[in-house]
Amino acid sequence: PADGYVVLDGLLSAQECDELRQRMTDIVDQMDVPQHCRTTFSTYHDEQLKTQGNADYFITSGDKIRFFFEKGVFDDKGEFIVPRQRSLNKVGHALHAYEPLYKKVTHSPRIQGIAKKLGLVSPVILQSMFIFKQPGIGGEVTPHQDATFLYTEPLGRVMGVWIALEDATVNNGCLWFIPGGISRRMVRTPPGTFPLTDFIGREQTYDDEKFIPVPVKKGGVVLIHGEVVHRSAENTSEESRHVYTFHIMESQDTRWSPDNWLQPTEELPFPPLYTK
């Protein structure tokens, strides 16, 4: 569609949403908190090591299930100061590969049907995330285009699939959209340099007036073109806004940029969406 996004209601039943959320609750209950999150720093050098630890943890997360926390959820001894279930920003980036319930939803006949309707010939799954948008502390996501982080030649080969596992409303941080073109890229820096990623170009400043809120009912999905500009506000409400989201790329006649932070690995090449 010309808007760059479309909402489809009722992709998942309420029960399917609840099963995905329950499985995530179990995963979080059992998680080992990564060591770099527990690091307390007293010196500049400690802080550098922690920053490097965060960056390494992120850039090697494409073929793993890893935990990314909201700011200010640990005390200076590295212990939780909020309940662990309320501490996470997201879990990523390979739920679709290693978690059976998430894998099943990702490859479901409904998703395959949508991709076929859109004419995708050889779609592959790039990455997946569970996003929590915690009540009260779920941070703002600034205006961005997914193609900034998941760059292809030609452009226009990446689509986000954003599934609301709870109602996403204007109050709890739903998505807002404006159509537009790509202006900025996040790339890997040469080996041995820090930071591990950098940006080429600048994010444009966008006119706030142009953003349109897109609330979604529990079980609904938003299909997001890689070049459409979107953001979400912080969640100041008492309700969380849990989402399962993943990205699909048409791999036929497409070059995945070797500069993208996310790269397929031997352990996990990008899996085809269409399963036999």
Protein backbone atom coordinates (compact mmCIF):
# COMPACT_ATOMS: atom_id res chain seq x y z
CA PRO A 1 0.00 0.00 0.00
CA ALA A 2 1.06 3.58 -0.67
CA ASP A 3 1.12 4.31 3.09
CA GLY A 4 3.90 1.81 3.66
CA TYR A 5 1.99 -0.08 6.34
CA VAL A 6 -1.21 -2.05 6.73
CA VAL A 7 -3.07 -3.41 9.77
CA LEU A 8 -4.74 -6.82 9.65
CA ASP A 9 -6.95 -7.77 12.57
CA GLY A 10 -7.17 -11.24 14.08
CA LEU A 11 -3.93 -12.83 12.85
CA LEU A 12 -3.67 -14.66 16.19
CA SER A 13 -6.37 -15.74 18.61
CA ALA A 14 -6.32 -14.41 22.18
CA GLN A 15 -5.20 -17.86 23.32
CA GLU A 16 -2.25 -17.91 20.90
CA CYS A 17 -1.21 -14.46 22.17
CA ASP A 18 -1.42 -15.65 25.77
CA GLU A 19 0.64 -18.77 25.00
CA LEU A 20 3.42 -16.66 23.48
CA ARG A 21 3.38 -14.31 26.47
CA GLN A 22 3.38 -17.21 28.95
CA ARG A 23 6.34 -18.82 27.21
CA MET A 24 8.22 -15.52 27.45
CA THR A 25 7.40 -15.29 31.17
CA ASP A 26 8.99 -18.74 31.59
CA ILE A 27 12.06 -17.74 29.54
CA VAL A 28 12.55 -14.60 31.67
CA ASP A 29 12.08 -16.57 34.91
CA GLN A 30 14.87 -18.91 33.83
CA MET A 31 17.24 -16.36 32.26
CA ASP A 32 20.82 -15.92 33.40
CA VAL A 33 21.44 -12.20 33.56
CA PRO A 34 24.41 -11.45 31.26
CA GLN A 35 27.60 -10.64 33.16
CA HIS A 36 28.11 -7.22 31.55
CA CYS A 37 24.73 -6.12 32.96
CA ARG A 38 25.88 -7.04 36.46
CA THR A 39 29.17 -5.18 36.09
CA THR A 40 29.48 -2.36 38.56
CA PHE A 41 31.85 0.32 37.50
CA SER A 42 33.96 2.53 39.66
CA THR A 43 36.43 3.72 37.05
CA TYR A 44 36.32 5.01 33.50
CA HIS A 45 38.03 1.79 32.36
CA ASP A 46 35.25 -0.31 33.96
CA GLU A 47 32.68 1.78 32.13
CA GLN A 48 34.51 1.25 28.82
CA LEU A 49 34.52 -2.51 29.41
CA LYS A 50 30.81 -2.49 30.16
CA THR A 51 30.08 -0.47 27.01
CA GLN A 52 32.21 -2.87 24.96
CA GLY A 53 30.46 -5.82 26.64
CA ASN A 54 27.04 -4.42 25.70
CA ALA A 55 28.14 -3.88 22.11
CA ASP A 56 29.66 -7.37 21.72
CA TYR A 57 26.58 -8.93 23.29
CA PHE A 58 24.33 -7.10 20.82
CA ILE A 59 26.33 -7.61 17.63
CA THR A 60 26.63 -11.39 18.23
CA SER A 61 22.93 -11.85 19.10
CA GLY A 62 21.60 -12.52 15.59
CA ASP A 63 21.65 -16.30 16.01
CA LYS A 64 20.89 -16.40 19.75
CA ILE A 65 18.19 -15.60 22.29
CA ARG A 66 19.49 -12.68 24.32
CA PHE A 67 18.21 -10.18 26.88
CA PHE A 68 18.21 -6.39 26.56
CA PHE A 69 17.21 -4.38 29.63
CA GLU A 70 15.57 -1.04 30.24
CA LYS A 71 17.78 1.64 31.81
CA GLY A 72 17.98 1.83 35.58
CA VAL A 73 16.71 -1.66 36.45
CA PHE A 74 19.91 -2.73 38.28
CA ASP A 75 21.41 -1.17 41.42
CA ASP A 76 25.12 -0.41 41.72
CA LYS A 77 25.77 -3.99 42.83
CA GLY A 78 24.12 -5.35 39.69
CA GLU A 79 20.98 -6.58 41.48
CA PHE A 80 17.44 -5.97 40.20
CA ILE A 81 15.62 -2.98 41.66
CA VAL A 82 12.44 -3.83 39.73
CA PRO A 83 10.80 -7.27 39.35
CA ARG A 84 12.70 -9.21 36.68
CA GLN A 85 9.52 -9.59 34.60
CA ARG A 86 9.35 -5.78 34.46
CA SER A 87 13.04 -5.23 33.67
CA LEU A 88 13.39 -6.06 29.98
CA ASN A 89 13.15 -3.87 26.91
CA LYS A 90 13.35 -6.80 24.49
CA VAL A 91 14.51 -10.34 23.87
CA GLY A 92 16.16 -11.13 20.50
CA HIS A 93 17.09 -11.99 17.85
CA ALA A 94 16.51 -15.69 17.07
CA LEU A 95 13.27 -16.66 18.83
CA HIS A 96 11.95 -17.70 15.40
CA ALA A 97 14.68 -20.33 15.11
CA TYR A 98 15.00 -21.79 18.61
CA GLU A 99 11.67 -21.35 20.37
CA PRO A 100 9.05 -23.79 19.00
CA LEU A 101 5.98 -21.62 19.74
CA TYR A 102 7.56 -18.58 18.10
CA LYS A 103 8.83 -20.64 15.19
CA LYS A 104 5.32 -22.01 14.62
CA VAL A 105 3.75 -18.52 14.53
CA THR A 106 6.52 -17.16 12.27
CA HIS A 107 6.03 -19.93 9.69
CA SER A 108 2.27 -20.25 10.18
CA PRO A 109 0.04 -20.77 7.12
CA ARG A 110 -1.41 -17.29 7.80
CA ILE A 111 1.99 -15.58 7.56
CA GLN A 112 3.00 -17.68 4.55
CA GLY A 113 -0.33 -16.76 2.94
CA ILE A 114 0.29 -13.03 3.47
CA ALA A 115 3.78 -13.33 1.94
CA LYS A 116 2.41 -15.23 -1.08
CA LYS A 117 -0.35 -12.62 -1.56
CA LEU A 118 2.36 -9.97 -1.58
CA GLY A 119 4.15 -11.92 -4.31
CA LEU A 120 7.22 -12.88 -2.27
CA VAL A 121 9.06 -15.68 -4.07
CA SER A 122 11.89 -16.68 -1.70
CA PRO A 123 11.28 -14.88 1.58
CA VAL A 124 13.67 -15.54 4.47
CA ILE A 125 13.42 -14.64 8.15
CA LEU A 126 16.10 -12.14 9.19
CA GLN A 127 15.47 -11.74 12.91
CA SER A 128 12.80 -11.72 15.60
CA MET A 129 12.17 -9.92 18.87
CA PHE A 130 9.78 -9.93 21.79
CA ILE A 131 9.27 -6.28 22.78
CA PHE A 132 7.86 -5.59 26.25
CA LYS A 133 7.16 -1.83 26.36
CA GLN A 134 6.95 -2.07 30.15
CA PRO A 135 4.36 -0.03 32.06
CA GLY A 136 5.78 3.26 33.31
CA ILE A 137 9.34 2.66 32.07
CA GLY A 138 8.91 1.33 28.51
CA GLY A 139 11.07 3.83 26.62
CA GLU A 140 10.32 5.84 23.51
CA VAL A 141 11.50 4.47 20.16
CA THR A 142 12.59 7.45 18.08
CA PRO A 143 11.54 7.86 14.43
CA HIS A 144 13.35 5.35 12.22
CA GLN A 145 13.12 3.18 9.12
CA ASP A 146 13.84 -0.53 9.41
CA ALA A 147 15.97 -0.34 6.23
CA THR A 148 18.43 1.81 8.20
CA PHE A 149 19.37 -1.30 10.20
CA LEU A 150 18.48 -3.99 7.64
CA TYR A 151 19.86 -2.56 4.40
CA THR A 152 19.41 -4.29 1.05
CA GLU A 153 20.18 -3.56 -2.59
CA PRO A 154 17.76 -2.87 -4.07
CA LEU A 155 15.83 -1.25 -1.23
CA GLY A 156 12.25 -2.29 -0.56
CA ARG A 157 13.00 -5.98 0.07
CA VAL A 158 12.43 -6.00 3.83
CA MET A 159 9.10 -6.12 5.64
CA GLY A 160 8.43 -5.99 9.35
CA VAL A 161 5.68 -8.18 10.81
CA TRP A 162 4.58 -6.64 14.10
CA ILE A 163 2.10 -8.73 16.11
CA ALA A 164 0.27 -7.19 19.07
CA LEU A 165 0.08 -9.76 21.89
CA GLU A 166 -1.90 -7.21 23.92
CA ASP A 167 -3.93 -4.21 22.77
CA ALA A 168 -1.53 -1.51 21.53
CA THR A 169 -3.10 1.88 22.24
CA VAL A 170 -2.14 5.55 22.13
CA ASN A 171 -1.77 5.33 25.93
CA ASN A 172 0.60 2.36 26.14
CA GLY A 173 2.90 3.20 23.25
CA CYS A 174 1.40 2.03 19.92
CA LEU A 175 3.20 2.69 16.63
CA TRP A 176 2.95 6.00 14.76
CA PHE A 177 3.74 6.28 11.04
CA ILE A 178 4.65 8.69 8.25
CA PRO A 179 5.53 7.51 4.74
CA GLY A 180 9.03 8.46 3.47
CA GLY A 181 12.40 7.42 1.99
CA ILE A 182 15.65 6.19 3.59
CA SER A 183 18.21 8.69 4.85
CA ARG A 184 20.49 6.86 7.27
CA ARG A 185 22.27 3.51 7.56
CA MET A 186 23.72 1.65 10.55
CA VAL A 187 26.84 -0.28 9.49
CA ARG A 188 29.50 -2.52 11.06
CA THR A 189 32.82 -0.71 11.52
CA PRO A 190 36.14 -2.29 10.39
CA PRO A 191 37.36 -5.17 12.62
CA GLY A 192 39.36 -3.98 15.63
CA THR A 193 37.64 -0.60 15.86
CA PHE A 194 35.16 0.65 18.45
CA PRO A 195 32.27 1.34 18.47
CA LEU A 196 31.32 -1.81 16.57
CA THR A 197 28.63 -0.02 14.60
CA ASP A 198 28.28 3.48 13.21
CA PHE A 199 25.76 5.51 11.23
CA ILE A 200 26.18 6.79 7.69
CA GLY A 201 24.07 9.86 7.03
CA ARG A 202 21.71 11.61 9.42
CA GLU A 203 18.22 10.80 10.54
CA GLN A 204 16.06 13.55 9.13
CA THR A 205 14.04 15.60 11.50
CA TYR A 206 10.43 14.70 11.01
CA ASP A 207 7.42 16.89 11.44
CA ASP A 208 5.53 15.55 14.49
CA GLU A 209 2.27 16.67 12.92
CA LYS A 210 2.70 14.14 10.13
CA PHE A 211 2.72 11.07 12.38
CA ILE A 212 -0.48 9.05 12.51
CA PRO A 213 -1.16 6.74 15.48
CA VAL A 214 -1.91 3.13 14.58
CA PRO A 215 -3.57 1.32 17.48
CA VAL A 216 -3.86 -2.46 17.09
CA LYS A 217 -6.11 -4.92 18.88
CA LYS A 218 -4.61 -7.96 20.60
CA GLY A 219 -3.88 -10.58 17.93
CA GLY A 220 -3.68 -8.01 15.12
CA VAL A 221 -0.62 -7.49 12.95
CA VAL A 222 1.00 -4.48 11.30
CA LEU A 223 2.95 -5.12 8.10
CA ILE A 224 5.69 -2.50 7.87
CA HIS A 225 7.55 -1.62 4.66
CA GLY A 226 11.30 -1.24 5.29
CA GLU A 227 11.33 2.40 4.23
CA VAL A 228 8.32 3.75 6.10
CA VAL A 229 9.15 6.05 9.03
CA HIS A 230 7.68 4.98 12.36
CA ARG A 231 8.13 5.56 16.05
CA SER A 232 6.46 4.76 19.34
CA ALA A 233 6.07 6.92 22.42
CA GLU A 234 7.12 5.90 25.90
CA ASN A 235 4.61 3.89 27.86
CA THR A 236 3.36 6.03 30.71
CA SER A 237 0.35 3.79 31.36
CA GLU A 238 -0.14 0.95 33.84
CA GLU A 239 -0.45 -1.60 31.03
CA SER A 240 2.37 -3.34 29.18
CA ARG A 241 2.35 -3.51 25.36
CA HIS A 242 3.83 -6.90 24.51
CA VAL A 243 4.68 -7.52 20.87
CA TYR A 244 6.24 -10.32 18.85
CA THR A 245 7.88 -8.91 15.76
CA PHE A 246 10.08 -10.29 13.01
CA HIS A 247 11.51 -9.21 9.66
CA ILE A 248 11.18 -10.95 6.33
CA MET A 249 13.37 -10.32 3.27
CA GLU A 250 12.67 -11.27 -0.33
CA SER A 251 15.96 -13.04 -1.04
CA GLN A 252 15.46 -13.50 -4.78
CA ASP A 253 17.62 -10.98 -6.69
CA THR A 254 18.48 -9.18 -3.44
CA ARG A 255 21.89 -8.37 -1.99
CA TRP A 256 21.99 -8.36 1.82
CA SER A 257 24.55 -5.74 2.80
CA PRO A 258 27.70 -7.23 4.39
CA ASP A 259 27.86 -3.99 6.39
CA ASN A 260 24.62 -4.68 8.28
CA TRP A 261 25.05 -5.43 11.99
CA LEU A 262 22.98 -8.59 11.50
CA GLN A 263 24.71 -11.32 9.49
CA PRO A 264 23.70 -14.92 8.81
CA THR A 265 26.00 -17.45 10.51
CA GLU A 266 26.93 -21.07 9.88
CA GLU A 267 24.78 -22.02 12.87
CA LEU A 268 21.85 -19.99 11.58
CA PRO A 269 21.62 -19.05 7.91
CA PHE A 270 18.48 -16.93 7.30
CA PRO A 271 15.73 -19.60 7.29
CA PRO A 272 13.23 -19.72 4.40
CA LEU A 273 9.71 -18.62 5.40
CA TYR A 274 8.04 -21.19 3.16
CA THR A 275 8.40 -24.57 4.81
CA LYS A 276 7.56 -27.64 2.82
